[in-house]
PDB file of all heavy atoms in Angstrom:
ATOM      1  N   LEU A   1     -21.432   3.702   8.468  1.00  0.00           N
ATOM      2  CA  LEU A   1     -20.935   3.929   7.206  1.00  0.00           C
ATOM      3  C   LEU A   1     -21.798   3.264   6.195  1.00  0.00           C
ATOM      4  O   LEU A   1     -22.303   2.071   6.410  1.00  0.00           O
ATOM      5  CB  LEU A   1     -19.461   3.373   7.070  1.00  0.00           C
ATOM      6  CG  LEU A   1     -18.796   3.393   5.718  1.00  0.00           C
ATOM      7  CD1 LEU A   1     -18.516   4.873   5.221  1.00  0.00           C
ATOM      8  CD2 LEU A   1     -17.478   2.663   5.729  1.00  0.00           C
ATOM      9  N   TYR A   2     -22.117   3.914   5.041  1.00  0.00           N
ATOM     10  CA  TYR A   2     -23.075   3.362   4.049  1.00  0.00           C
ATOM     11  C   TYR A   2     -24.415   2.997   4.688  1.00  0.00           C
ATOM     12  O   TYR A   2     -25.105   2.080   4.292  1.00  0.00           O
ATOM     13  CB  TYR A   2     -22.443   2.127   3.492  1.00  0.00           C
ATOM     14  CG  TYR A   2     -21.218   2.394   2.574  1.00  0.00           C
ATOM     15  CD1 TYR A   2     -20.021   1.701   2.910  1.00  0.00           C
ATOM     16  CD2 TYR A   2     -21.242   3.234   1.555  1.00  0.00           C
ATOM     17  CE1 TYR A   2     -18.822   1.915   2.129  1.00  0.00           C
ATOM     18  CE2 TYR A   2     -20.038   3.472   0.760  1.00  0.00           C
ATOM     19  CZ  TYR A   2     -18.925   2.789   1.043  1.00  0.00           C
ATOM     20  OH  TYR A   2     -17.718   2.978   0.301  1.00  0.00           O
ATOM     21  N   GLY A   3     -24.769   3.778   5.779  1.00  0.00           N
ATOM     22  CA  GLY A   3     -26.039   3.495   6.399  1.00  0.00           C
ATOM     23  C   GLY A   3     -26.064   2.268   7.254  1.00  0.00           C
ATOM     24  O   GLY A   3     -27.190   1.806   7.667  1.00  0.00           O
ATOM     25  N   GLN A   4     -24.909   1.574   7.426  1.00  0.00           N
ATOM     26  CA  GLN A   4     -24.810   0.368   8.230  1.00  0.00           C
ATOM     27  C   GLN A   4     -23.745   0.549   9.331  1.00  0.00           C
ATOM     28  O   GLN A   4     -22.934   1.313   9.239  1.00  0.00           O
ATOM     29  CB  GLN A   4     -24.535  -0.883   7.384  1.00  0.00           C
ATOM     30  CG  GLN A   4     -25.563  -1.152   6.199  1.00  0.00           C
ATOM     31  CD  GLN A   4     -25.313  -2.337   5.548  1.00  0.00           C
ATOM     32  OE1 GLN A   4     -24.885  -3.355   6.082  1.00  0.00           O
ATOM     33  NE2 GLN A   4     -25.595  -2.382   4.238  1.00  0.00           N
ATOM     34  N   LYS A   5     -23.882  -0.396  10.287  1.00  0.00           N
ATOM     35  CA  LYS A   5     -22.926  -0.344  11.468  1.00  0.00           C
ATOM     36  C   LYS A   5     -21.721  -1.270  11.154  1.00  0.00           C
ATOM     37  O   LYS A   5     -21.902  -2.406  10.687  1.00  0.00           O
ATOM     38  CB  LYS A   5     -23.588  -0.691  12.698  1.00  0.00           C
ATOM     39  CG  LYS A   5     -24.621   0.218  13.184  1.00  0.00           C
ATOM     40  CD  LYS A   5     -25.183  -0.187  14.602  1.00  0.00           C
ATOM     41  CE  LYS A   5     -26.089   1.005  15.127  1.00  0.00           C
ATOM     42  NZ  LYS A   5     -26.662   0.567  16.491  1.00  0.00           N
ATOM     43  N   PHE A   6     -20.485  -0.780  11.353  1.00  0.00           N
ATOM     44  CA  PHE A   6     -19.320  -1.478  11.224  1.00  0.00           C
ATOM     45  C   PHE A   6     -18.652  -1.501  12.597  1.00  0.00           C
ATOM     46  O   PHE A   6     -18.541  -0.554  13.312  1.00  0.00           O
ATOM     47  CB  PHE A   6     -18.313  -0.809  10.220  1.00  0.00           C
ATOM     48  CG  PHE A   6     -18.714  -0.961   8.824  1.00  0.00           C
ATOM     49  CD1 PHE A   6     -19.768  -0.313   8.194  1.00  0.00           C
ATOM     50  CD2 PHE A   6     -17.985  -1.832   7.974  1.00  0.00           C
ATOM     51  CE1 PHE A   6     -20.083  -0.439   6.850  1.00  0.00           C
ATOM     52  CE2 PHE A   6     -18.230  -1.961   6.704  1.00  0.00           C
ATOM     53  CZ  PHE A   6     -19.336  -1.323   6.156  1.00  0.00           C
ATOM     54  N   THR A   7     -18.048  -2.692  12.894  1.00  0.00           N
ATOM     55  CA  THR A   7     -17.248  -2.855  14.115  1.00  0.00           C
ATOM     56  C   THR A   7     -15.731  -2.607  13.876  1.00  0.00           C
ATOM     57  O   THR A   7     -15.136  -3.140  13.042  1.00  0.00           O
ATOM     58  CB  THR A   7     -17.363  -4.274  14.679  1.00  0.00           C
ATOM     59  OG1 THR A   7     -18.770  -4.631  14.856  1.00  0.00           O
ATOM     60  CG2 THR A   7     -16.625  -4.520  15.967  1.00  0.00           C
ATOM     61  N   VAL A   8     -15.278  -1.680  14.722  1.00  0.00           N
ATOM     62  CA  VAL A   8     -13.868  -1.325  14.605  1.00  0.00           C
ATOM     63  C   VAL A   8     -13.053  -2.462  15.200  1.00  0.00           C
ATOM     64  O   VAL A   8     -13.181  -2.783  16.341  1.00  0.00           O
ATOM     65  CB  VAL A   8     -13.581  -0.005  15.361  1.00  0.00           C
ATOM     66  CG1 VAL A   8     -12.050   0.327  15.311  1.00  0.00           C
ATOM     67  CG2 VAL A   8     -14.363   1.122  14.784  1.00  0.00           C
ATOM     68  N   ILE A   9     -12.099  -3.017  14.374  1.00  0.00           N
ATOM     69  CA  ILE A   9     -11.270  -4.108  14.824  1.00  0.00           C
ATOM     70  C   ILE A   9      -9.736  -3.735  14.828  1.00  0.00           C
ATOM     71  O   ILE A   9      -8.882  -4.478  15.389  1.00  0.00           O
ATOM     72  CB  ILE A   9     -11.427  -5.323  13.970  1.00  0.00           C
ATOM     73  CG1 ILE A   9     -11.061  -4.992  12.513  1.00  0.00           C
ATOM     74  CG2 ILE A   9     -12.848  -5.888  14.070  1.00  0.00           C
ATOM     75  CD1 ILE A   9     -11.015  -6.305  11.601  1.00  0.00           C
ATOM     76  N   GLY A  10      -9.367  -2.527  14.316  1.00  0.00           N
ATOM     77  CA  GLY A  10      -7.985  -2.131  14.323  1.00  0.00           C
ATOM     78  C   GLY A  10      -7.854  -0.582  14.127  1.00  0.00           C
ATOM     79  O   GLY A  10      -8.713   0.047  13.516  1.00  0.00           O
ATOM     80  N   VAL A  11      -6.677  -0.090  14.688  1.00  0.00           N
ATOM     81  CA  VAL A  11      -6.359   1.269  14.447  1.00  0.00           C
ATOM     82  C   VAL A  11      -4.892   1.284  13.973  1.00  0.00           C
ATOM     83  O   VAL A  11      -3.963   0.725  14.601  1.00  0.00           O
ATOM     84  CB  VAL A  11      -6.446   2.114  15.752  1.00  0.00           C
ATOM     85  CG1 VAL A  11      -5.993   3.542  15.559  1.00  0.00           C
ATOM     86  CG2 VAL A  11      -7.941   2.077  16.320  1.00  0.00           C
ATOM     87  N   LEU A  12      -4.691   2.036  12.858  1.00  0.00           N
ATOM     88  CA  LEU A  12      -3.342   2.140  12.311  1.00  0.00           C
ATOM     89  C   LEU A  12      -2.427   3.069  13.078  1.00  0.00           C
ATOM     90  O   LEU A  12      -2.895   4.053  13.630  1.00  0.00           O
ATOM     91  CB  LEU A  12      -3.335   2.520  10.822  1.00  0.00           C
ATOM     92  CG  LEU A  12      -4.136   1.503   9.899  1.00  0.00           C
ATOM     93  CD1 LEU A  12      -4.165   2.112   8.497  1.00  0.00           C
ATOM     94  CD2 LEU A  12      -3.516   0.165   9.931  1.00  0.00           C
ATOM     95  N   LYS A  13      -1.103   2.798  12.915  1.00  0.00           N
ATOM     96  CA  LYS A  13      -0.182   3.784  13.554  1.00  0.00           C
ATOM     97  C   LYS A  13      -0.112   4.968  12.690  1.00  0.00           C
ATOM     98  O   LYS A  13      -0.324   5.064  11.516  1.00  0.00           O
ATOM     99  CB  LYS A  13       1.282   3.136  13.577  1.00  0.00           C
ATOM    100  CG  LYS A  13       1.477   2.178  14.678  1.00  0.00           C
ATOM    101  CD  LYS A  13       2.958   1.724  14.707  1.00  0.00           C
ATOM    102  CE  LYS A  13       3.242   0.869  15.933  1.00  0.00           C
ATOM    103  NZ  LYS A  13       4.692   0.493  15.982  1.00  0.00           N
ATOM    104  N   LYS A  14       0.081   6.143  13.444  1.00  0.00           N
ATOM    105  CA  LYS A  14       0.190   7.489  12.780  1.00  0.00           C
ATOM    106  C   LYS A  14       1.383   7.544  11.929  1.00  0.00           C
ATOM    107  O   LYS A  14       2.511   7.147  12.308  1.00  0.00           O
ATOM    108  CB  LYS A  14       0.240   8.557  13.801  1.00  0.00           C
ATOM    109  CG  LYS A  14       0.301   9.960  13.291  1.00  0.00           C
ATOM    110  CD  LYS A  14       0.377  11.026  14.393  1.00  0.00           C
ATOM    111  CE  LYS A  14       0.524  12.419  13.856  1.00  0.00           C
ATOM    112  NZ  LYS A  14      -0.596  12.861  13.061  1.00  0.00           N
ATOM    113  N   ILE A  15       1.272   8.000  10.669  1.00  0.00           N
ATOM    114  CA  ILE A  15       2.402   8.141   9.724  1.00  0.00           C
ATOM    115  C   ILE A  15       2.641   9.641   9.389  1.00  0.00           C
ATOM    116  O   ILE A  15       3.675   9.888   8.798  1.00  0.00           O
ATOM    117  CB  ILE A  15       2.159   7.305   8.430  1.00  0.00           C
ATOM    118  CG1 ILE A  15       0.943   7.866   7.686  1.00  0.00           C
ATOM    119  CG2 ILE A  15       2.025   5.863   8.761  1.00  0.00           C
ATOM    120  CD1 ILE A  15       0.823   7.240   6.281  1.00  0.00           C
ATOM    121  N   GLY A  16       1.723  10.485   9.724  1.00  0.00           N
ATOM    122  CA  GLY A  16       1.927  11.886   9.384  1.00  0.00           C
ATOM    123  C   GLY A  16       1.516  12.274   7.965  1.00  0.00           C
ATOM    124  O   GLY A  16       0.781  11.411   7.283  1.00  0.00           O
ATOM    125  N   SER A  17       1.748  13.465   7.449  1.00  0.00           N
ATOM    126  CA  SER A  17       1.275  13.958   6.266  1.00  0.00           C
ATOM    127  C   SER A  17       1.820  13.000   5.196  1.00  0.00           C
ATOM    128  O   SER A  17       2.868  12.396   5.291  1.00  0.00           O
ATOM    129  CB  SER A  17       1.691  15.370   5.993  1.00  0.00           C
ATOM    130  OG  SER A  17       3.152  15.513   6.102  1.00  0.00           O
ATOM    131  N   SER A  18       1.121  12.961   4.072  1.00  0.00           N
ATOM    132  CA  SER A  18       1.428  11.953   3.009  1.00  0.00           C
ATOM    133  C   SER A  18       1.206  12.535   1.664  1.00  0.00           C
ATOM    134  O   SER A  18       0.496  13.546   1.443  1.00  0.00           O
ATOM    135  CB  SER A  18       0.648  10.746   3.225  1.00  0.00           C
ATOM    136  OG  SER A  18       0.825   9.804   2.183  1.00  0.00           O
ATOM    137  N   LEU A  19       1.843  11.898   0.649  1.00  0.00           N
ATOM    138  CA  LEU A  19       1.539  12.304  -0.757  1.00  0.00           C
ATOM    139  C   LEU A  19       0.251  11.659  -1.122  1.00  0.00           C
ATOM    140  O   LEU A  19       0.045  10.428  -1.156  1.00  0.00           O
ATOM    141  CB  LEU A  19       2.702  11.749  -1.670  1.00  0.00           C
ATOM    142  CG  LEU A  19       2.594  12.062  -3.132  1.00  0.00           C
ATOM    143  CD1 LEU A  19       2.801  13.472  -3.360  1.00  0.00           C
ATOM    144  CD2 LEU A  19       3.495  11.183  -3.908  1.00  0.00           C
ATOM    145  N   GLY A  20      -0.769  12.510  -1.379  1.00  0.00           N
ATOM    146  CA  GLY A  20      -2.168  12.005  -1.689  1.00  0.00           C
ATOM    147  C   GLY A  20      -2.771  11.778  -0.368  1.00  0.00           C
ATOM    148  O   GLY A  20      -2.579  12.363   0.668  1.00  0.00           O
ATOM    149  N   ASP A  21      -3.713  10.734  -0.416  1.00  0.00           N
ATOM    150  CA  ASP A  21      -4.436  10.352   0.854  1.00  0.00           C
ATOM    151  C   ASP A  21      -3.596   9.581   1.780  1.00  0.00           C
ATOM    152  O   ASP A  21      -3.005   8.593   1.409  1.00  0.00           O
ATOM    153  CB  ASP A  21      -5.679   9.538   0.466  1.00  0.00           C
ATOM    154  CG  ASP A  21      -6.802  10.345  -0.224  1.00  0.00           C
ATOM    155  OD1 ASP A  21      -7.065  11.434   0.306  1.00  0.00           O
ATOM    156  OD2 ASP A  21      -7.251   9.952  -1.352  1.00  0.00           O
ATOM    157  N   SER A  22      -3.532  10.084   3.046  1.00  0.00           N
ATOM    158  CA  SER A  22      -2.706   9.410   4.089  1.00  0.00           C
ATOM    159  C   SER A  22      -3.523   8.352   4.676  1.00  0.00           C
ATOM    160  O   SER A  22      -4.751   8.404   4.830  1.00  0.00           O
ATOM    161  CB  SER A  22      -2.296  10.398   5.120  1.00  0.00           C
ATOM    162  OG  SER A  22      -1.849   9.868   6.213  1.00  0.00           O
ATOM    163  N   ASP A  23      -2.874   7.322   5.101  1.00  0.00           N
ATOM    164  CA  ASP A  23      -3.553   6.167   5.868  1.00  0.00           C
ATOM    165  C   ASP A  23      -4.099   6.706   7.185  1.00  0.00           C
ATOM    166  O   ASP A  23      -5.061   6.114   7.720  1.00  0.00           O
ATOM    167  CB  ASP A  23      -2.500   5.059   6.271  1.00  0.00           C
ATOM    168  CG  ASP A  23      -2.219   4.253   4.994  1.00  0.00           C
ATOM    169  OD1 ASP A  23      -2.823   4.398   3.930  1.00  0.00           O
ATOM    170  OD2 ASP A  23      -1.239   3.423   5.126  1.00  0.00           O
ATOM    171  N   ASP A  24      -3.517   7.859   7.705  1.00  0.00           N
ATOM    172  CA  ASP A  24      -4.130   8.358   8.920  1.00  0.00           C
ATOM    173  C   ASP A  24      -5.615   8.844   8.709  1.00  0.00           C
ATOM    174  O   ASP A  24      -6.413   8.804   9.714  1.00  0.00           O
ATOM    175  CB  ASP A  24      -3.361   9.681   9.284  1.00  0.00           C
ATOM    176  CG  ASP A  24      -1.894   9.268   9.749  1.00  0.00           C
ATOM    177  OD1 ASP A  24      -1.714   8.072  10.011  1.00  0.00           O
ATOM    178  OD2 ASP A  24      -1.006  10.175   9.898  1.00  0.00           O
ATOM    179  N   SER A  25      -5.908   9.268   7.536  1.00  0.00           N
ATOM    180  CA  SER A  25      -7.263   9.777   7.256  1.00  0.00           C
ATOM    181  C   SER A  25      -8.058   8.809   6.409  1.00  0.00           C
ATOM    182  O   SER A  25      -9.031   9.218   5.692  1.00  0.00           O
ATOM    183  CB  SER A  25      -7.258  11.188   6.537  1.00  0.00           C
ATOM    184  OG  SER A  25      -6.490  11.114   5.411  1.00  0.00           O
ATOM    185  N   SER A  26      -7.725   7.563   6.429  1.00  0.00           N
ATOM    186  CA  SER A  26      -8.414   6.551   5.640  1.00  0.00           C
ATOM    187  C   SER A  26      -8.977   5.456   6.486  1.00  0.00           C
ATOM    188  O   SER A  26      -8.542   5.297   7.656  1.00  0.00           O
ATOM    189  CB  SER A  26      -7.374   5.941   4.638  1.00  0.00           C
ATOM    190  OG  SER A  26      -6.801   6.847   3.814  1.00  0.00           O
TER     191      SER A  26
END
């Protein structure tokens, strides 16, 4: 991301469709 490597440290629980941007797709 941004041309650099990021280490994944967490995955959020699925919340489903959302008003605006969902945490699922963030």
